[in-house]
Amino acid sequence: MTTATASATTAGPRSTTARRLLALGRAEGILLLRNRTALFTALLLPLLLIGGLKNVLDQQAETTPGLDVDSLLVNGAVGMVLAFVVYYNLTAAYVARRGELVLKRLRTGEARDIEILAGTAVPSVALALLMCAVIGIAGASVLNLTAPVNPLLLIVGLVMAVGTLMALAAISSAFTRTVESAGITTMPILLLSQFGSGLFFPLEVMPDRVADFCRLLPTTPAFQLIRVGWFGTDGSADATGFAGTWSTAAPHLVTGAVWLALAAWGAVRYFRWEPRR
């Protein structure tokens, strides 16, 4: 009885999914803070691109009357933060942890595969959402933007964007041998998100056929949902009130859900837990 009581008293807290995610996220966060290159990519590079985005949108507004530069600037800034902080940083993190055999060792413990991948993503996702919140608050105060038309749809767009980019990062890491080469392997998705998903060049200034094609790209639906949820428009149609935003967002919801499912399947199918020999 004494031995059993002592064992129960000295036993640590019960391991749960939340505890494992927090532990993995805390460890990955420490590594992120120590990596100056990753911090530069996460904090400064998106801000530098936002300055270039402002100049591009101002030039487009001169030739496209009625273009809402302020709303496009905020939406583009949020999209670029998500693309670089979540997608690029997470791709590099997966490759680094795989090369150090951290992922392989973690699989021998209690954490499930999905918990390992999600725990590694916690710092990048948290930092990206924090930066998006700062951009939103700054945009609302400095640019005098209105409150989100449909906050729920805005949250759905953020969740879909984060989920899709996390899955794409897992897929990209499978084709990335070293952390240094992550800048090359992630380039196609980054370019598609910047120039094909309406961040640098709004879809409404593109030719109709090009815009229709770009709406089918993996990252476009989520970014358009964020825009509709906040500003009530996706460039091709304007919503009337809270209810109208759902009808405007319906095509993006369907396309985004399909891409999210395909990206999740690809992550499960192609993700590598050990370095390639």
Protein backbone atom coordinates (compact mmCIF):
# COMPACT_ATOMS: atom_id res chain seq x y z
CA MET A 1 0.00 0.00 0.00
CA THR A 2 2.83 2.40 0.90
CA THR A 3 4.67 1.69 -2.35
CA ALA A 4 1.53 2.14 -4.46
CA THR A 5 0.67 5.39 -2.72
CA ALA A 6 4.19 6.76 -3.16
CA SER A 7 4.21 5.84 -6.85
CA ALA A 8 0.88 7.57 -7.45
CA THR A 9 2.07 10.66 -5.57
CA THR A 10 5.38 11.02 -7.41
CA ALA A 11 3.93 10.35 -10.85
CA GLY A 12 4.00 13.35 -13.19
CA PRO A 13 0.97 14.99 -14.77
CA ARG A 14 -0.98 12.89 -17.17
CA SER A 15 0.13 13.27 -20.78
CA THR A 16 -2.61 14.72 -22.99
CA THR A 17 -2.76 15.98 -26.55
CA ALA A 18 -2.82 19.60 -25.35
CA ARG A 19 0.20 19.07 -23.08
CA ARG A 20 2.17 17.37 -25.84
CA LEU A 21 1.35 20.13 -28.33
CA LEU A 22 2.38 22.81 -25.83
CA ALA A 23 5.62 21.00 -25.02
CA LEU A 24 6.53 20.55 -28.69
CA GLY A 25 5.50 24.13 -29.47
CA ARG A 26 7.56 25.52 -26.59
CA ALA A 27 10.67 23.64 -27.71
CA GLU A 28 10.20 24.72 -31.33
CA GLY A 29 9.60 28.31 -30.22
CA ILE A 30 12.95 28.40 -28.41
CA LEU A 31 14.69 27.14 -31.54
CA LEU A 32 12.88 29.75 -33.64
CA LEU A 33 14.01 32.58 -31.36
CA ARG A 34 17.62 31.38 -31.63
CA ASN A 35 17.51 31.24 -35.44
CA ARG A 36 18.21 34.75 -36.72
CA THR A 37 17.61 33.81 -40.34
CA ALA A 38 14.18 32.39 -39.53
CA LEU A 39 13.30 35.46 -37.46
CA PHE A 40 14.34 37.76 -40.30
CA THR A 41 12.19 35.81 -42.74
CA ALA A 42 9.25 35.82 -40.34
CA LEU A 43 9.37 39.41 -39.08
CA LEU A 44 11.22 41.68 -41.49
CA LEU A 45 10.84 40.16 -44.94
CA PRO A 46 7.00 40.40 -45.02
CA LEU A 47 7.23 44.03 -43.84
CA LEU A 48 9.69 44.87 -46.61
CA LEU A 49 7.38 43.25 -49.17
CA ILE A 50 4.43 45.24 -47.83
CA GLY A 51 6.29 48.45 -48.75
CA GLY A 52 6.72 47.17 -52.30
CA LEU A 53 3.08 46.08 -52.37
CA LYS A 54 1.95 49.62 -51.49
CA ASN A 55 3.87 51.09 -54.43
CA VAL A 56 2.49 48.47 -56.85
CA LEU A 57 -1.11 49.06 -55.73
CA ASP A 58 -0.72 52.84 -56.02
CA GLN A 59 0.44 52.45 -59.62
CA GLN A 60 -2.47 50.11 -60.39
CA ALA A 61 -4.94 52.57 -58.86
CA GLU A 62 -3.84 55.22 -61.37
CA THR A 63 -4.96 53.04 -64.28
CA THR A 64 -7.91 51.34 -62.53
CA PRO A 65 -10.39 53.89 -61.14
CA GLY A 66 -12.26 52.75 -58.05
CA LEU A 67 -9.57 50.32 -56.87
CA ASP A 68 -9.66 50.18 -53.06
CA VAL A 69 -5.94 50.35 -52.33
CA ASP A 70 -6.28 50.34 -48.54
CA SER A 71 -8.33 47.14 -48.31
CA LEU A 72 -6.15 45.40 -50.89
CA LEU A 73 -3.03 46.46 -48.98
CA VAL A 74 -4.29 44.95 -45.72
CA ASN A 75 -5.47 41.75 -47.42
CA GLY A 76 -2.20 41.41 -49.32
CA ALA A 77 -0.15 42.03 -46.18
CA VAL A 78 -2.04 39.33 -44.28
CA GLY A 79 -1.57 36.91 -47.17
CA MET A 80 2.17 37.53 -47.40
CA VAL A 81 2.63 37.11 -43.65
CA LEU A 82 0.82 33.77 -43.76
CA ALA A 83 2.80 32.62 -46.81
CA PHE A 84 6.24 33.43 -45.42
CA VAL A 85 5.78 32.85 -41.70
CA VAL A 86 3.70 29.67 -41.93
CA TYR A 87 4.65 28.09 -45.25
CA TYR A 88 8.32 28.99 -45.70
CA ASN A 89 9.38 28.89 -42.04
CA LEU A 90 7.52 25.64 -41.41
CA THR A 91 9.06 23.97 -44.46
CA ALA A 92 12.52 24.85 -43.18
CA ALA A 93 11.60 23.67 -39.66
CA TYR A 94 10.39 20.28 -40.89
CA VAL A 95 13.56 19.80 -42.94
CA ALA A 96 15.81 20.82 -40.05
CA ARG A 97 14.11 18.56 -37.50
CA ARG A 98 14.13 15.66 -39.95
CA GLY A 99 17.84 16.08 -40.64
CA GLU A 100 18.57 16.15 -36.90
CA LEU A 101 16.52 12.94 -36.48
CA VAL A 102 14.24 14.78 -34.04
CA LEU A 103 11.09 13.70 -35.88
CA LYS A 104 12.23 10.08 -35.92
CA ARG A 105 12.85 10.09 -32.16
CA LEU A 106 9.56 11.81 -31.42
CA ARG A 107 7.68 9.03 -33.21
CA THR A 108 8.97 6.54 -30.63
CA GLY A 109 7.20 8.43 -27.83
CA GLU A 110 3.58 9.08 -26.96
CA ALA A 111 2.98 11.81 -29.51
CA ARG A 112 1.06 10.80 -32.61
CA ASP A 113 2.21 11.81 -36.08
CA ILE A 114 -0.36 14.60 -36.43
CA GLU A 115 0.64 15.95 -33.01
CA ILE A 116 4.31 16.05 -34.00
CA LEU A 117 3.55 17.97 -37.19
CA ALA A 118 1.11 20.32 -35.46
CA GLY A 119 3.40 20.88 -32.47
CA THR A 120 6.26 21.86 -34.76
CA ALA A 121 3.94 24.36 -36.44
CA VAL A 122 2.67 26.01 -33.23
CA PRO A 123 5.28 28.85 -33.03
CA SER A 124 5.03 29.73 -36.72
CA VAL A 125 1.23 29.75 -36.68
CA ALA A 126 1.07 31.74 -33.44
CA LEU A 127 3.55 34.32 -34.75
CA ALA A 128 1.70 34.61 -38.07
CA LEU A 129 -1.68 35.14 -36.37
CA LEU A 130 -0.15 37.72 -34.04
CA MET A 131 1.31 39.64 -36.97
CA CYS A 132 -2.04 39.43 -38.80
CA ALA A 133 -3.77 40.88 -35.74
CA VAL A 134 -1.26 43.73 -35.60
CA ILE A 135 -1.76 44.43 -39.31
CA GLY A 136 -5.53 44.39 -38.85
CA ILE A 137 -5.43 46.78 -35.89
CA ALA A 138 -2.97 49.10 -37.63
CA GLY A 139 -5.05 49.03 -40.81
CA ALA A 140 -8.25 49.82 -38.93
CA SER A 141 -6.68 52.73 -37.04
CA VAL A 142 -4.36 54.26 -39.62
CA LEU A 143 -6.36 53.58 -42.80
CA ASN A 144 -9.75 54.06 -41.13
CA LEU A 145 -11.05 50.73 -42.41
CA THR A 146 -14.46 49.50 -41.35
CA ALA A 147 -15.00 46.58 -38.98
CA PRO A 148 -15.18 43.11 -40.61
CA VAL A 149 -18.49 42.52 -42.36
CA ASN A 150 -18.51 38.84 -41.42
CA PRO A 151 -15.99 37.99 -38.65
CA LEU A 152 -16.91 34.29 -38.76
CA LEU A 153 -16.08 34.08 -42.45
CA LEU A 154 -12.84 35.94 -41.77
CA ILE A 155 -11.88 33.31 -39.18
CA VAL A 156 -12.82 30.50 -41.58
CA GLY A 157 -10.52 32.02 -44.19
CA LEU A 158 -7.64 32.28 -41.72
CA VAL A 159 -8.09 28.68 -40.56
CA MET A 160 -8.29 27.43 -44.14
CA ALA A 161 -5.20 29.42 -45.13
CA VAL A 162 -3.17 28.15 -42.17
CA GLY A 163 -4.27 24.55 -42.71
CA THR A 164 -3.52 24.60 -46.43
CA LEU A 165 -0.12 26.24 -45.97
CA MET A 166 0.84 23.79 -43.21
CA ALA A 167 0.00 20.85 -45.47
CA LEU A 168 1.87 22.42 -48.39
CA ALA A 169 4.88 22.95 -46.11
CA ALA A 170 4.85 19.25 -45.22
CA ILE A 171 4.71 18.34 -48.92
CA SER A 172 7.50 20.77 -49.84
CA SER A 173 9.73 19.44 -47.08
CA ALA A 174 9.59 16.00 -48.70
CA PHE A 175 11.36 17.43 -51.76
CA THR A 176 13.82 19.59 -49.79
CA ARG A 177 17.13 18.01 -48.82
CA THR A 178 18.59 20.82 -46.71
CA VAL A 179 17.38 23.94 -44.92
CA GLU A 180 19.44 26.06 -47.31
CA SER A 181 17.60 24.64 -50.34
CA ALA A 182 14.20 25.47 -48.82
CA GLY A 183 14.41 28.90 -50.44
CA ILE A 184 14.41 27.18 -53.84
CA THR A 185 11.82 24.46 -53.30
CA THR A 186 9.31 26.87 -51.73
CA MET A 187 9.69 29.46 -54.48
CA PRO A 188 6.90 28.15 -56.78
CA ILE A 189 4.22 28.29 -54.06
CA LEU A 190 5.45 31.67 -52.81
CA LEU A 191 5.34 33.14 -56.32
CA LEU A 192 1.89 31.67 -56.95
CA SER A 193 0.58 33.12 -53.71
CA GLN A 194 2.04 36.58 -54.36
CA PHE A 195 1.31 37.02 -58.04
CA GLY A 196 -1.49 34.53 -58.72
CA SER A 197 -3.62 34.73 -55.61
CA GLY A 198 -4.45 38.42 -55.74
CA LEU A 199 -1.85 39.70 -53.27
CA PHE A 200 0.41 41.80 -55.50
CA PHE A 201 -1.95 41.98 -58.47
CA PRO A 202 -5.66 42.02 -57.54
CA LEU A 203 -7.76 39.58 -59.51
CA GLU A 204 -10.03 42.38 -60.74
CA VAL A 205 -7.19 44.01 -62.70
CA MET A 206 -6.33 40.76 -64.48
CA PRO A 207 -7.92 39.59 -67.76
CA ASP A 208 -11.06 37.56 -67.10
CA ARG A 209 -9.60 34.20 -68.19
CA VAL A 210 -6.43 34.71 -66.18
CA ALA A 211 -8.44 35.75 -63.12
CA ASP A 212 -10.68 32.68 -63.42
CA PHE A 213 -7.61 30.45 -63.57
CA CYS A 214 -6.00 32.18 -60.58
CA ARG A 215 -9.14 31.65 -58.50
CA LEU A 216 -8.50 27.91 -58.79
CA LEU A 217 -4.97 28.06 -57.36
CA PRO A 218 -4.38 26.40 -53.96
CA THR A 219 -3.95 29.55 -51.87
CA THR A 220 -6.42 31.85 -53.63
CA PRO A 221 -9.71 30.64 -52.05
CA ALA A 222 -8.53 31.17 -48.46
CA PHE A 223 -7.16 34.64 -49.19
CA GLN A 224 -10.39 35.57 -50.95
CA LEU A 225 -12.42 34.34 -47.97
CA ILE A 226 -10.42 36.67 -45.72
CA ARG A 227 -11.16 39.54 -48.08
CA VAL A 228 -14.87 38.76 -48.31
CA GLY A 229 -15.17 38.29 -44.56
CA TRP A 230 -13.58 41.64 -43.84
CA PHE A 231 -14.55 43.87 -46.74
CA GLY A 232 -17.59 42.09 -48.21
CA THR A 233 -16.13 41.74 -51.71
CA ASP A 234 -13.83 39.44 -53.67
CA GLY A 235 -13.30 41.91 -56.50
CA SER A 236 -15.80 40.28 -58.87
CA ALA A 237 -18.89 40.64 -56.69
CA ASP A 238 -19.91 42.80 -53.73
CA ALA A 239 -21.93 41.29 -50.89
CA THR A 240 -24.85 43.01 -49.19
CA GLY A 241 -24.69 42.56 -45.43
CA PHE A 242 -23.74 39.55 -43.33
CA ALA A 243 -25.94 37.06 -45.22
CA GLY A 244 -24.75 38.21 -48.63
CA THR A 245 -21.12 37.44 -47.80
CA TRP A 246 -21.88 33.71 -47.57
CA SER A 247 -23.27 33.57 -51.11
CA THR A 248 -20.28 35.53 -52.39
CA ALA A 249 -17.90 33.25 -50.49
CA ALA A 250 -19.59 29.95 -51.47
CA PRO A 251 -17.37 29.22 -54.54
CA HIS A 252 -14.23 29.99 -52.53
CA LEU A 253 -15.40 27.74 -49.68
CA VAL A 254 -15.89 24.81 -52.04
CA THR A 255 -12.60 25.31 -53.90
CA GLY A 256 -10.69 25.93 -50.69
CA ALA A 257 -12.10 22.81 -49.03
CA VAL A 258 -11.06 20.69 -52.02
CA TRP A 259 -7.52 22.08 -51.96
CA LEU A 260 -7.26 21.65 -48.20
CA ALA A 261 -8.29 17.99 -48.50
CA LEU A 262 -5.86 17.38 -51.37
CA ALA A 263 -3.01 19.11 -49.53
CA ALA A 264 -3.70 17.10 -46.35
CA TRP A 265 -3.71 13.88 -48.38
CA GLY A 266 -0.44 14.86 -50.04
CA ALA A 267 1.14 15.65 -46.68
CA VAL A 268 0.21 12.22 -45.33
CA ARG A 269 1.31 10.50 -48.52
CA TYR A 270 4.64 12.20 -49.19
CA PHE A 271 5.95 13.52 -45.87
CA ARG A 272 9.35 12.05 -44.94
CA TRP A 273 10.24 11.34 -41.32
CA GLU A 274 13.87 10.43 -41.96
CA PRO A 275 16.62 11.94 -44.13
CA ARG A 276 16.95 10.56 -47.61
CA ARG A 277 19.94 8.26 -47.97
